[in-house]
Amino acid sequence: MGAVWGRSGKNAANMGEIEQEYERKREERKSFGQKVLDYVIITLASAVFGAGVSLFVDPCSLAPGGVTGVAIILSRVLPAETGTLIMLINIPILCLGIWKFGIRFMVSTFYATVLTSFFTNFFSCFRPATKDILLGALMGSVLIAFSMGIIFKRGATTGGMDIIIKCLRLKFPYMKTGFFYLVVDVCIVTLSAFVFREVDLALYGGIAVVVTSTVLDLVLYGRDEAKLIYIISDSPDRITDRLLAELKIGVTHLRGEGAYSKKEKEIIMCVVRKPLAPKIEEIVKDEDAGAFMIVTRATEIFGQGYKSYFGERL
């Protein structure tokens, strides 16, 4: 059993190294103009992050998890602004990031961290966008998650838990980013219940955590969910021809054999976006009403026409 776990950990580490190498080469391929565009987008996303915190979450005394949640909790007991506390908490974490990833890859993260802290303090000078706690939790978490996802896709992070979770993803590359945030944020939201001494605020904070996790995965990975379909038919060629001609999708033929009849079968396999699944069912029904069809979910798809193997695994 120990040997199996050892191999699994080694494979995960190797996958993390491959991801790092992929990101390094991707950065090297970027032109000067693309790098400038990255920093412009990071700046805009940082402004959205600051607005989400200071106009929605912080005024409602919600701790949405992560360093931001910790900073909001501390701002209630320390004479410092939330944005300033975000920066102070991030200093040792940024040092960890430099040690783990190198200073070259931390420049954009340092830039994003400084800007998110600045914009958090900047927008705190304005009146809150809403005093409704539920609206604050929903809108604030959407803005925070959206901005974090955009920053992640530009090869940076907002510091804090982003760096810690990025380190965790090196060891567990098959786990989605939003899942790690969910675990950490639940712990911080639970802590806020004790600090604020109000369970309702913690529950609203929990809503913000779930929304943040969902939106973050949506921004990073997209609505990747599709249908994986297997078709076992006596008319595989006619069905395949129509799938290729009418839907223009990729189709793969697998060789199979009936356990009872010992008869060889050609199994049609294809992966399609959900809207196309009903059209495939119609084609199969038209060509062979007695066909055996298995339809299941494909939660992530990598390869041509979908997403790259490492480029969107942030």
C-alpha atoms as a PDB file:
ATOM      1  CA  MET A   1       0.000   0.000   0.000  1.00  0.00           C
ATOM      2  CA  GLY A   2       2.858   2.340   0.881  1.00  0.00           C
ATOM      3  CA  ALA A   3       4.461   1.699  -2.510  1.00  0.00           C
ATOM      4  CA  VAL A   4       1.273   2.693  -4.322  1.00  0.00           C
ATOM      5  CA  TRP A   5       1.059   5.962  -2.424  1.00  0.00           C
ATOM      6  CA  GLY A   6       4.730   6.608  -3.111  1.00  0.00           C
ATOM      7  CA  ARG A   7       4.280   6.237  -6.836  1.00  0.00           C
ATOM      8  CA  SER A   8       1.190   8.421  -6.762  1.00  0.00           C
ATOM      9  CA  GLY A   9       3.022  11.209  -4.952  1.00  0.00           C
ATOM     10  CA  LYS A  10       5.950  10.988  -7.363  1.00  0.00           C
ATOM     11  CA  ASN A  11       3.642  11.182 -10.375  1.00  0.00           C
ATOM     12  CA  ALA A  12       1.885  14.205  -8.887  1.00  0.00           C
ATOM     13  CA  ALA A  13       5.223  15.922  -8.309  1.00  0.00           C
ATOM     14  CA  ASN A  14       6.264  15.204 -11.891  1.00  0.00           C
ATOM     15  CA  MET A  15       2.995  16.654 -13.153  1.00  0.00           C
ATOM     16  CA  GLY A  16       3.635  19.774 -11.119  1.00  0.00           C
ATOM     17  CA  GLU A  17       7.110  20.123 -12.649  1.00  0.00           C
ATOM     18  CA  ILE A  18       5.613  19.740 -16.130  1.00  0.00           C
ATOM     19  CA  GLU A  19       3.102  22.486 -15.345  1.00  0.00           C
ATOM     20  CA  GLN A  20       5.864  24.802 -14.163  1.00  0.00           C
ATOM     21  CA  GLU A  21       7.911  24.124 -17.290  1.00  0.00           C
ATOM     22  CA  TYR A  22       4.838  24.763 -19.447  1.00  0.00           C
ATOM     23  CA  GLU A  23       4.200  28.107 -17.736  1.00  0.00           C
ATOM     24  CA  ARG A  24       7.870  29.078 -18.084  1.00  0.00           C
ATOM     25  CA  LYS A  25       7.865  28.397 -21.824  1.00  0.00           C
ATOM     26  CA  ARG A  26       4.525  30.156 -22.230  1.00  0.00           C
ATOM     27  CA  GLU A  27       5.946  33.287 -20.595  1.00  0.00           C
ATOM     28  CA  GLU A  28       9.041  33.162 -22.801  1.00  0.00           C
ATOM     29  CA  ARG A  29       6.883  33.007 -25.938  1.00  0.00           C
ATOM     30  CA  LYS A  30       4.989  36.155 -25.028  1.00  0.00           C
ATOM     31  CA  SER A  31       5.859  39.300 -26.922  1.00  0.00           C
ATOM     32  CA  PHE A  32       6.427  42.634 -25.192  1.00  0.00           C
ATOM     33  CA  GLY A  33       2.960  43.753 -26.251  1.00  0.00           C
ATOM     34  CA  GLN A  34       1.357  40.655 -24.759  1.00  0.00           C
ATOM     35  CA  LYS A  35       3.158  41.223 -21.462  1.00  0.00           C
ATOM     36  CA  VAL A  36       1.987  44.832 -21.376  1.00  0.00           C
ATOM     37  CA  LEU A  37      -1.563  43.640 -22.048  1.00  0.00           C
ATOM     38  CA  ASP A  38      -1.233  41.164 -19.167  1.00  0.00           C
ATOM     39  CA  TYR A  39      -0.347  43.959 -16.746  1.00  0.00           C
ATOM     40  CA  VAL A  40      -3.172  46.164 -18.017  1.00  0.00           C
ATOM     41  CA  ILE A  41      -5.681  43.361 -17.462  1.00  0.00           C
ATOM     42  CA  ILE A  42      -4.183  42.553 -14.045  1.00  0.00           C
ATOM     43  CA  THR A  43      -4.590  46.237 -13.108  1.00  0.00           C
ATOM     44  CA  LEU A  44      -8.253  46.280 -14.139  1.00  0.00           C
ATOM     45  CA  ALA A  45      -8.938  42.967 -12.406  1.00  0.00           C
ATOM     46  CA  SER A  46      -7.253  44.247  -9.234  1.00  0.00           C
ATOM     47  CA  ALA A  47      -9.586  47.244  -9.276  1.00  0.00           C
ATOM     48  CA  VAL A  48     -12.574  44.903  -9.544  1.00  0.00           C
ATOM     49  CA  PHE A  49     -11.194  42.885  -6.632  1.00  0.00           C
ATOM     50  CA  GLY A  50     -10.831  45.991  -4.468  1.00  0.00           C
ATOM     51  CA  ALA A  51     -14.357  47.124  -5.346  1.00  0.00           C
ATOM     52  CA  GLY A  52     -15.779  43.712  -4.461  1.00  0.00           C
ATOM     53  CA  VAL A  53     -14.121  43.815  -1.043  1.00  0.00           C
ATOM     54  CA  SER A  54     -14.668  47.441  -0.045  1.00  0.00           C
ATOM     55  CA  LEU A  55     -18.064  48.146  -1.607  1.00  0.00           C
ATOM     56  CA  PHE A  56     -19.801  44.859  -0.837  1.00  0.00           C
ATOM     57  CA  VAL A  57     -18.073  42.421   1.504  1.00  0.00           C
ATOM     58  CA  ASP A  58     -16.218  44.518   4.089  1.00  0.00           C
ATOM     59  CA  PRO A  59     -19.094  46.939   4.871  1.00  0.00           C
ATOM     60  CA  CYS A  60     -21.322  43.954   5.652  1.00  0.00           C
ATOM     61  CA  SER A  61     -18.703  42.465   8.025  1.00  0.00           C
ATOM     62  CA  LEU A  62     -18.414  39.333   5.925  1.00  0.00           C
ATOM     63  CA  ALA A  63     -15.226  37.264   5.956  1.00  0.00           C
ATOM     64  CA  PRO A  64     -15.197  35.624   2.497  1.00  0.00           C
ATOM     65  CA  GLY A  65     -12.209  33.434   3.300  1.00  0.00           C
ATOM     66  CA  GLY A  66      -8.569  33.648   2.321  1.00  0.00           C
ATOM     67  CA  VAL A  67      -6.247  36.452   3.361  1.00  0.00           C
ATOM     68  CA  THR A  68      -9.017  38.939   2.594  1.00  0.00           C
ATOM     69  CA  GLY A  69     -11.275  37.295   5.143  1.00  0.00           C
ATOM     70  CA  VAL A  70      -8.495  37.236   7.731  1.00  0.00           C
ATOM     71  CA  ALA A  71      -7.759  40.918   7.042  1.00  0.00           C
ATOM     72  CA  ILE A  72     -11.420  41.867   7.471  1.00  0.00           C
ATOM     73  CA  ILE A  73     -11.551  40.021  10.798  1.00  0.00           C
ATOM     74  CA  LEU A  74      -8.328  41.685  12.005  1.00  0.00           C
ATOM     75  CA  SER A  75      -9.509  45.137  10.878  1.00  0.00           C
ATOM     76  CA  ARG A  76     -12.221  44.911  13.526  1.00  0.00           C
ATOM     77  CA  VAL A  77      -9.666  44.518  16.313  1.00  0.00           C
ATOM     78  CA  LEU A  78      -6.630  46.389  14.962  1.00  0.00           C
ATOM     79  CA  PRO A  79      -6.319  50.087  14.006  1.00  0.00           C
ATOM     80  CA  ALA A  80      -5.514  49.398  10.350  1.00  0.00           C
ATOM     81  CA  GLU A  81      -7.396  49.399   7.058  1.00  0.00           C
ATOM     82  CA  THR A  82      -8.320  46.127   5.402  1.00  0.00           C
ATOM     83  CA  GLY A  83      -6.122  46.760   2.349  1.00  0.00           C
ATOM     84  CA  THR A  84      -3.113  47.525   4.531  1.00  0.00           C
ATOM     85  CA  LEU A  85      -3.620  44.327   6.512  1.00  0.00           C
ATOM     86  CA  ILE A  86      -3.912  42.357   3.268  1.00  0.00           C
ATOM     87  CA  MET A  87      -0.477  43.633   2.254  1.00  0.00           C
ATOM     88  CA  LEU A  88       1.093  42.955   5.669  1.00  0.00           C
ATOM     89  CA  ILE A  89      -0.234  39.388   5.822  1.00  0.00           C
ATOM     90  CA  ASN A  90       1.002  38.795   2.286  1.00  0.00           C
ATOM     91  CA  ILE A  91       4.640  39.712   2.960  1.00  0.00           C
ATOM     92  CA  PRO A  92       5.707  36.317   4.429  1.00  0.00           C
ATOM     93  CA  ILE A  93       3.554  34.470   1.898  1.00  0.00           C
ATOM     94  CA  LEU A  94       5.218  36.335  -0.975  1.00  0.00           C
ATOM     95  CA  CYS A  95       8.580  35.288   0.452  1.00  0.00           C
ATOM     96  CA  LEU A  96       7.345  31.680   0.315  1.00  0.00           C
ATOM     97  CA  GLY A  97       6.348  32.199  -3.301  1.00  0.00           C
ATOM     98  CA  ILE A  98       9.770  33.594  -4.221  1.00  0.00           C
ATOM     99  CA  TRP A  99      11.432  30.579  -2.585  1.00  0.00           C
ATOM    100  CA  LYS A 100       9.103  28.100  -4.289  1.00  0.00           C
ATOM    101  CA  PHE A 101       8.669  29.632  -7.743  1.00  0.00           C
ATOM    102  CA  GLY A 102      11.546  32.089  -8.085  1.00  0.00           C
ATOM    103  CA  ILE A 103      11.482  35.872  -8.139  1.00  0.00           C
ATOM    104  CA  ARG A 104      11.001  35.964 -11.915  1.00  0.00           C
ATOM    105  CA  PHE A 105       7.560  34.396 -11.666  1.00  0.00           C
ATOM    106  CA  MET A 106       6.583  36.429  -8.591  1.00  0.00           C
ATOM    107  CA  VAL A 107       6.949  39.876 -10.171  1.00  0.00           C
ATOM    108  CA  SER A 108       3.424  39.894 -11.599  1.00  0.00           C
ATOM    109  CA  THR A 109       2.039  38.416  -8.363  1.00  0.00           C
ATOM    110  CA  PHE A 110       3.742  41.112  -6.289  1.00  0.00           C
ATOM    111  CA  TYR A 111       2.296  43.700  -8.678  1.00  0.00           C
ATOM    112  CA  ALA A 112      -1.215  42.240  -8.342  1.00  0.00           C
ATOM    113  CA  THR A 113      -0.926  41.985  -4.549  1.00  0.00           C
ATOM    114  CA  VAL A 114       0.124  45.629  -4.164  1.00  0.00           C
ATOM    115  CA  LEU A 115      -2.668  46.783  -6.475  1.00  0.00           C
ATOM    116  CA  THR A 116      -5.406  44.732  -4.800  1.00  0.00           C
ATOM    117  CA  SER A 117      -4.331  46.146  -1.436  1.00  0.00           C
ATOM    118  CA  PHE A 118      -4.259  49.673  -2.870  1.00  0.00           C
ATOM    119  CA  PHE A 119      -7.668  49.425  -4.540  1.00  0.00           C
ATOM    120  CA  THR A 120      -9.185  47.870  -1.413  1.00  0.00           C
ATOM    121  CA  ASN A 121      -8.141  50.958   0.564  1.00  0.00           C
ATOM    122  CA  PHE A 122      -9.078  53.264  -2.316  1.00  0.00           C
ATOM    123  CA  PHE A 123     -12.667  52.024  -2.630  1.00  0.00           C
ATOM    124  CA  SER A 124     -13.124  52.058   1.145  1.00  0.00           C
ATOM    125  CA  CYS A 125     -13.379  55.860   0.816  1.00  0.00           C
ATOM    126  CA  PHE A 126     -16.664  55.454  -1.079  1.00  0.00           C
ATOM    127  CA  ARG A 127     -20.092  54.650   0.310  1.00  0.00           C
ATOM    128  CA  PRO A 128     -20.970  50.925   0.339  1.00  0.00           C
ATOM    129  CA  ALA A 129     -22.844  49.792  -2.772  1.00  0.00           C
ATOM    130  CA  THR A 130     -25.415  47.993  -0.608  1.00  0.00           C
ATOM    131  CA  LYS A 131     -26.255  47.455   3.028  1.00  0.00           C
ATOM    132  CA  ASP A 132     -28.133  44.249   2.331  1.00  0.00           C
ATOM    133  CA  ILE A 133     -25.970  41.411   3.657  1.00  0.00           C
ATOM    134  CA  LEU A 134     -27.200  38.831   1.142  1.00  0.00           C
ATOM    135  CA  LEU A 135     -26.615  41.147  -1.826  1.00  0.00           C
ATOM    136  CA  GLY A 136     -23.214  42.037  -0.409  1.00  0.00           C
ATOM    137  CA  ALA A 137     -22.286  38.374  -0.099  1.00  0.00           C
ATOM    138  CA  LEU A 138     -23.459  37.503  -3.610  1.00  0.00           C
ATOM    139  CA  MET A 139     -22.147  40.499  -5.546  1.00  0.00           C
ATOM    140  CA  GLY A 140     -18.939  40.785  -3.555  1.00  0.00           C
ATOM    141  CA  SER A 141     -18.038  37.115  -3.992  1.00  0.00           C
ATOM    142  CA  VAL A 142     -18.815  37.229  -7.726  1.00  0.00           C
ATOM    143  CA  LEU A 143     -16.570  40.266  -8.249  1.00  0.00           C
ATOM    144  CA  ILE A 144     -13.761  38.823  -6.109  1.00  0.00           C
ATOM    145  CA  ALA A 145     -13.857  35.407  -7.798  1.00  0.00           C
ATOM    146  CA  PHE A 146     -14.099  36.878 -11.293  1.00  0.00           C
ATOM    147  CA  SER A 147     -11.107  39.165 -10.721  1.00  0.00           C
ATOM    148  CA  MET A 148      -9.051  36.362  -9.146  1.00  0.00           C
ATOM    149  CA  GLY A 149      -9.775  34.069 -12.080  1.00  0.00           C
ATOM    150  CA  ILE A 150      -8.740  36.715 -14.604  1.00  0.00           C
ATOM    151  CA  ILE A 151      -5.518  37.396 -12.697  1.00  0.00           C
ATOM    152  CA  PHE A 152      -4.799  33.666 -12.500  1.00  0.00           C
ATOM    153  CA  LYS A 153      -5.290  33.277 -16.234  1.00  0.00           C
ATOM    154  CA  ARG A 154      -2.702  36.015 -16.794  1.00  0.00           C
ATOM    155  CA  GLY A 155      -0.084  33.985 -14.939  1.00  0.00           C
ATOM    156  CA  ALA A 156      -0.228  35.909 -11.652  1.00  0.00           C
ATOM    157  CA  THR A 157      -2.071  35.573  -8.345  1.00  0.00           C
ATOM    158  CA  THR A 158      -3.454  37.998  -5.788  1.00  0.00           C
ATOM    159  CA  GLY A 159      -0.968  36.680  -3.235  1.00  0.00           C
ATOM    160  CA  GLY A 160      -2.148  35.198   0.029  1.00  0.00           C
ATOM    161  CA  MET A 161      -3.888  31.877  -0.203  1.00  0.00           C
ATOM    162  CA  ASP A 162      -3.406  31.989  -3.981  1.00  0.00           C
ATOM    163  CA  ILE A 163       0.302  31.277  -3.493  1.00  0.00           C
ATOM    164  CA  ILE A 164      -0.275  28.643  -0.826  1.00  0.00           C
ATOM    165  CA  ILE A 165      -2.860  26.925  -3.005  1.00  0.00           C
ATOM    166  CA  LYS A 166      -0.584  27.184  -6.045  1.00  0.00           C
ATOM    167  CA  CYS A 167       2.033  25.340  -3.965  1.00  0.00           C
ATOM    168  CA  LEU A 168      -0.555  22.721  -3.013  1.00  0.00           C
ATOM    169  CA  ARG A 169      -1.450  22.265  -6.675  1.00  0.00           C
ATOM    170  CA  LEU A 170       2.142  21.283  -7.379  1.00  0.00           C
ATOM    171  CA  LYS A 171       1.620  18.322  -5.063  1.00  0.00           C
ATOM    172  CA  PHE A 172      -2.016  17.700  -6.021  1.00  0.00           C
ATOM    173  CA  PRO A 173      -2.254  18.837  -9.682  1.00  0.00           C
ATOM    174  CA  TYR A 174      -5.493  16.960 -10.325  1.00  0.00           C
ATOM    175  CA  MET A 175      -7.443  18.914  -7.727  1.00  0.00           C
ATOM    176  CA  LYS A 176      -9.300  21.974  -8.940  1.00  0.00           C
ATOM    177  CA  THR A 177      -8.299  25.361  -7.583  1.00  0.00           C
ATOM    178  CA  GLY A 178     -11.794  26.148  -6.353  1.00  0.00           C
ATOM    179  CA  PHE A 179     -11.803  23.024  -4.158  1.00  0.00           C
ATOM    180  CA  PHE A 180      -8.706  24.162  -2.257  1.00  0.00           C
ATOM    181  CA  TYR A 181     -10.231  27.583  -1.745  1.00  0.00           C
ATOM    182  CA  LEU A 182     -13.419  25.999  -0.459  1.00  0.00           C
ATOM    183  CA  VAL A 183     -11.594  24.007   2.236  1.00  0.00           C
ATOM    184  CA  VAL A 184      -9.471  26.954   3.436  1.00  0.00           C
ATOM    185  CA  ASP A 185     -12.333  29.431   3.275  1.00  0.00           C
ATOM    186  CA  VAL A 186     -14.705  27.260   5.302  1.00  0.00           C
ATOM    187  CA  CYS A 187     -12.135  27.276   8.124  1.00  0.00           C
ATOM    188  CA  ILE A 188     -11.853  31.087   7.995  1.00  0.00           C
ATOM    189  CA  VAL A 189     -15.620  31.599   7.861  1.00  0.00           C
ATOM    190  CA  THR A 190     -15.980  29.349  10.905  1.00  0.00           C
ATOM    191  CA  LEU A 191     -13.406  31.488  12.707  1.00  0.00           C
ATOM    192  CA  SER A 192     -15.386  34.636  11.831  1.00  0.00           C
ATOM    193  CA  ALA A 193     -18.407  33.248  13.674  1.00  0.00           C
ATOM    194  CA  PHE A 194     -16.397  33.275  16.891  1.00  0.00           C
ATOM    195  CA  VAL A 195     -14.787  36.675  16.289  1.00  0.00           C
ATOM    196  CA  PHE A 196     -17.945  38.523  15.217  1.00  0.00           C
ATOM    197  CA  ARG A 197     -20.054  36.460  17.640  1.00  0.00           C
ATOM    198  CA  GLU A 198     -22.864  36.344  15.125  1.00  0.00           C
ATOM    199  CA  VAL A 199     -23.699  33.089  13.411  1.00  0.00           C
ATOM    200  CA  ASP A 200     -25.797  34.809  10.720  1.00  0.00           C
ATOM    201  CA  LEU A 201     -22.767  36.705   9.400  1.00  0.00           C
ATOM    202  CA  ALA A 202     -20.788  33.475   9.252  1.00  0.00           C
ATOM    203  CA  LEU A 203     -23.599  31.797   7.331  1.00  0.00           C
ATOM    204  CA  TYR A 204     -23.718  34.654   4.834  1.00  0.00           C
ATOM    205  CA  GLY A 205     -19.944  34.376   4.629  1.00  0.00           C
ATOM    206  CA  GLY A 206     -20.444  30.690   3.822  1.00  0.00           C
ATOM    207  CA  ILE A 207     -22.693  31.688   0.926  1.00  0.00           C
ATOM    208  CA  ALA A 208     -19.947  33.997  -0.312  1.00  0.00           C
ATOM    209  CA  VAL A 209     -17.423  31.142  -0.107  1.00  0.00           C
ATOM    210  CA  VAL A 210     -19.587  28.774  -2.172  1.00  0.00           C
ATOM    211  CA  VAL A 211     -20.305  31.432  -4.798  1.00  0.00           C
ATOM    212  CA  THR A 212     -16.608  32.372  -4.955  1.00  0.00           C
ATOM    213  CA  SER A 213     -15.571  28.741  -5.434  1.00  0.00           C
ATOM    214  CA  THR A 214     -18.174  28.186  -8.165  1.00  0.00           C
ATOM    215  CA  VAL A 215     -17.441  31.381 -10.092  1.00  0.00           C
ATOM    216  CA  LEU A 216     -13.679  30.875  -9.802  1.00  0.00           C
ATOM    217  CA  ASP A 217     -13.868  27.406 -11.349  1.00  0.00           C
ATOM    218  CA  LEU A 218     -16.189  28.774 -14.027  1.00  0.00           C
ATOM    219  CA  VAL A 219     -13.720  31.529 -14.965  1.00  0.00           C
ATOM    220  CA  LEU A 220     -10.681  29.233 -14.849  1.00  0.00           C
ATOM    221  CA  TYR A 221     -12.082  26.094 -16.436  1.00  0.00           C
ATOM    222  CA  GLY A 222     -15.176  27.309 -18.289  1.00  0.00           C
ATOM    223  CA  ARG A 223     -18.387  25.372 -18.716  1.00  0.00           C
ATOM    224  CA  ASP A 224     -16.445  22.328 -19.775  1.00  0.00           C
ATOM    225  CA  GLU A 225     -19.121  19.810 -19.002  1.00  0.00           C
ATOM    226  CA  ALA A 226     -20.029  17.752 -22.036  1.00  0.00           C
ATOM    227  CA  LYS A 227     -21.493  14.377 -22.955  1.00  0.00           C
ATOM    228  CA  LEU A 228     -19.461  11.249 -23.566  1.00  0.00           C
ATOM    229  CA  ILE A 229     -21.478   8.947 -25.827  1.00  0.00           C
ATOM    230  CA  TYR A 230     -20.958   5.302 -26.788  1.00  0.00           C
ATOM    231  CA  ILE A 231     -23.108   3.864 -29.586  1.00  0.00           C
ATOM    232  CA  ILE A 232     -23.289   0.136 -30.315  1.00  0.00           C
ATOM    233  CA  SER A 233     -25.154  -0.372 -33.553  1.00  0.00           C
ATOM    234  CA  ASP A 234     -25.463  -2.692 -36.545  1.00  0.00           C
ATOM    235  CA  SER A 235     -25.193   0.395 -38.771  1.00  0.00           C
ATOM    236  CA  PRO A 236     -22.070   2.153 -37.475  1.00  0.00           C
ATOM    237  CA  ASP A 237     -20.981   3.486 -40.863  1.00  0.00           C
ATOM    238  CA  ARG A 238     -24.252   5.264 -41.622  1.00  0.00           C
ATOM    239  CA  ILE A 239     -24.384   6.804 -38.141  1.00  0.00           C
ATOM    240  CA  THR A 240     -20.744   7.881 -38.349  1.00  0.00           C
ATOM    241  CA  ASP A 241     -21.215   9.454 -41.776  1.00  0.00           C
ATOM    242  CA  ARG A 242     -24.131  11.532 -40.528  1.00  0.00           C
ATOM    243  CA  LEU A 243     -22.309  12.592 -37.360  1.00  0.00           C
ATOM    244  CA  LEU A 244     -19.330  13.762 -39.399  1.00  0.00           C
ATOM    245  CA  ALA A 245     -21.382  15.462 -42.114  1.00  0.00           C
ATOM    246  CA  GLU A 246     -24.181  17.040 -40.088  1.00  0.00           C
ATOM    247  CA  LEU A 247     -22.593  17.817 -36.722  1.00  0.00           C
ATOM    248  CA  LYS A 248     -18.931  18.021 -37.785  1.00  0.00           C
ATOM    249  CA  ILE A 249     -17.703  16.373 -34.590  1.00  0.00           C
ATOM    250  CA  GLY A 250     -14.817  14.002 -33.939  1.00  0.00           C
ATOM    251  CA  VAL A 251     -15.772  10.322 -33.888  1.00  0.00           C
ATOM    252  CA  THR A 252     -13.697   7.329 -32.793  1.00  0.00           C
ATOM    253  CA  HIS A 253     -14.383   3.670 -33.595  1.00  0.00           C
ATOM    254  CA  LEU A 254     -13.598   1.097 -30.931  1.00  0.00           C
ATOM    255  CA  ARG A 255     -13.473  -2.649 -31.497  1.00  0.00           C
ATOM    256  CA  GLY A 256     -15.700  -4.762 -29.282  1.00  0.00           C
ATOM    257  CA  GLU A 257     -17.107  -8.266 -29.032  1.00  0.00           C
ATOM    258  CA  GLY A 258     -20.430  -9.404 -27.642  1.00  0.00           C
ATOM    259  CA  ALA A 259     -19.846 -11.681 -24.646  1.00  0.00           C
ATOM    260  CA  TYR A 260     -22.844 -13.868 -25.512  1.00  0.00           C
ATOM    261  CA  SER A 261     -22.942 -13.751 -29.331  1.00  0.00           C
ATOM    262  CA  LYS A 262     -19.133 -13.609 -29.778  1.00  0.00           C
ATOM    263  CA  LYS A 263     -19.925 -11.244 -32.638  1.00  0.00           C
ATOM    264  CA  GLU A 264     -17.513  -8.381 -33.342  1.00  0.00           C
ATOM    265  CA  LYS A 265     -18.938  -4.896 -33.050  1.00  0.00           C
ATOM    266  CA  GLU A 266     -17.776  -1.437 -33.978  1.00  0.00           C
ATOM    267  CA  ILE A 267     -18.445   0.932 -31.086  1.00  0.00           C
ATOM    268  CA  ILE A 268     -18.828   4.618 -31.898  1.00  0.00           C
ATOM    269  CA  MET A 269     -17.413   6.953 -29.283  1.00  0.00           C
ATOM    270  CA  CYS A 270     -17.705  10.743 -29.321  1.00  0.00           C
ATOM    271  CA  VAL A 271     -17.535  13.668 -26.919  1.00  0.00           C
ATOM    272  CA  VAL A 272     -19.785  16.648 -27.611  1.00  0.00           C
ATOM    273  CA  ARG A 273     -21.041  19.796 -25.965  1.00  0.00           C
ATOM    274  CA  LYS A 274     -24.359  19.266 -24.216  1.00  0.00           C
ATOM    275  CA  PRO A 275     -26.523  21.090 -26.817  1.00  0.00           C
ATOM    276  CA  LEU A 276     -25.456  18.572 -29.500  1.00  0.00           C
ATOM    277  CA  ALA A 277     -26.356  15.454 -27.495  1.00  0.00           C
ATOM    278  CA  PRO A 278     -30.084  15.445 -28.441  1.00  0.00           C
ATOM    279  CA  LYS A 279     -29.170  15.747 -32.142  1.00  0.00           C
ATOM    280  CA  ILE A 280     -26.966  12.663 -31.873  1.00  0.00           C
ATOM    281  CA  GLU A 281     -29.844  10.776 -30.276  1.00  0.00           C
ATOM    282  CA  GLU A 282     -32.085  11.751 -33.200  1.00  0.00           C
ATOM    283  CA  ILE A 283     -29.526  10.537 -35.747  1.00  0.00           C
ATOM    284  CA  VAL A 284     -29.124   7.209 -33.947  1.00  0.00           C
ATOM    285  CA  LYS A 285     -32.894   6.779 -33.714  1.00  0.00           C
ATOM    286  CA  ASP A 286     -33.262   7.481 -37.449  1.00  0.00           C
ATOM    287  CA  GLU A 287     -30.551   5.040 -38.533  1.00  0.00           C
ATOM    288  CA  ASP A 288     -30.957   2.250 -35.999  1.00  0.00           C
ATOM    289  CA  ALA A 289     -33.839   2.375 -33.528  1.00  0.00           C
ATOM    290  CA  GLY A 290     -32.474  -0.736 -31.829  1.00  0.00           C
ATOM    291  CA  ALA A 291     -29.007   0.685 -31.197  1.00  0.00           C
ATOM    292  CA  PHE A 292     -27.548   0.519 -27.713  1.00  0.00           C
ATOM    293  CA  MET A 293     -26.424   3.967 -26.587  1.00  0.00           C
ATOM    294  CA  ILE A 294     -24.650   4.989 -23.382  1.00  0.00           C
ATOM    295  CA  VAL A 295     -24.642   8.676 -22.455  1.00  0.00           C
ATOM    296  CA  THR A 296     -22.531   9.912 -19.560  1.00  0.00           C
ATOM    297  CA  ARG A 297     -20.925  13.160 -18.413  1.00  0.00           C
ATOM    298  CA  ALA A 298     -17.456  14.376 -19.334  1.00  0.00           C
ATOM    299  CA  THR A 299     -16.558  17.033 -16.778  1.00  0.00           C
ATOM    300  CA  GLU A 300     -13.272  18.123 -18.384  1.00  0.00           C
ATOM    301  CA  ILE A 301     -12.055  17.825 -21.960  1.00  0.00           C
ATOM    302  CA  PHE A 302      -8.479  18.358 -23.098  1.00  0.00           C
ATOM    303  CA  GLY A 303      -7.194  18.359 -26.652  1.00  0.00           C
ATOM    304  CA  GLN A 304      -7.820  19.986 -29.994  1.00  0.00           C
ATOM    305  CA  GLY A 305     -11.012  21.979 -30.048  1.00  0.00           C
ATOM    306  CA  TYR A 306     -11.245  22.184 -26.281  1.00  0.00           C
ATOM    307  CA  LYS A 307      -8.454  23.259 -23.930  1.00  0.00           C
ATOM    308  CA  SER A 308      -4.752  22.585 -23.630  1.00  0.00           C
ATOM    309  CA  TYR A 309      -3.442  20.014 -21.185  1.00  0.00           C
ATOM    310  CA  PHE A 310      -1.708  22.478 -18.891  1.00  0.00           C
ATOM    311  CA  GLY A 311      -2.488  25.980 -20.068  1.00  0.00           C
ATOM    312  CA  GLU A 312      -5.757  26.322 -18.158  1.00  0.00           C
ATOM    313  CA  ARG A 313      -4.856  24.226 -15.112  1.00  0.00           C
ATOM    314  CA  LEU A 314      -3.964  27.098 -12.814  1.00  0.00           C
END
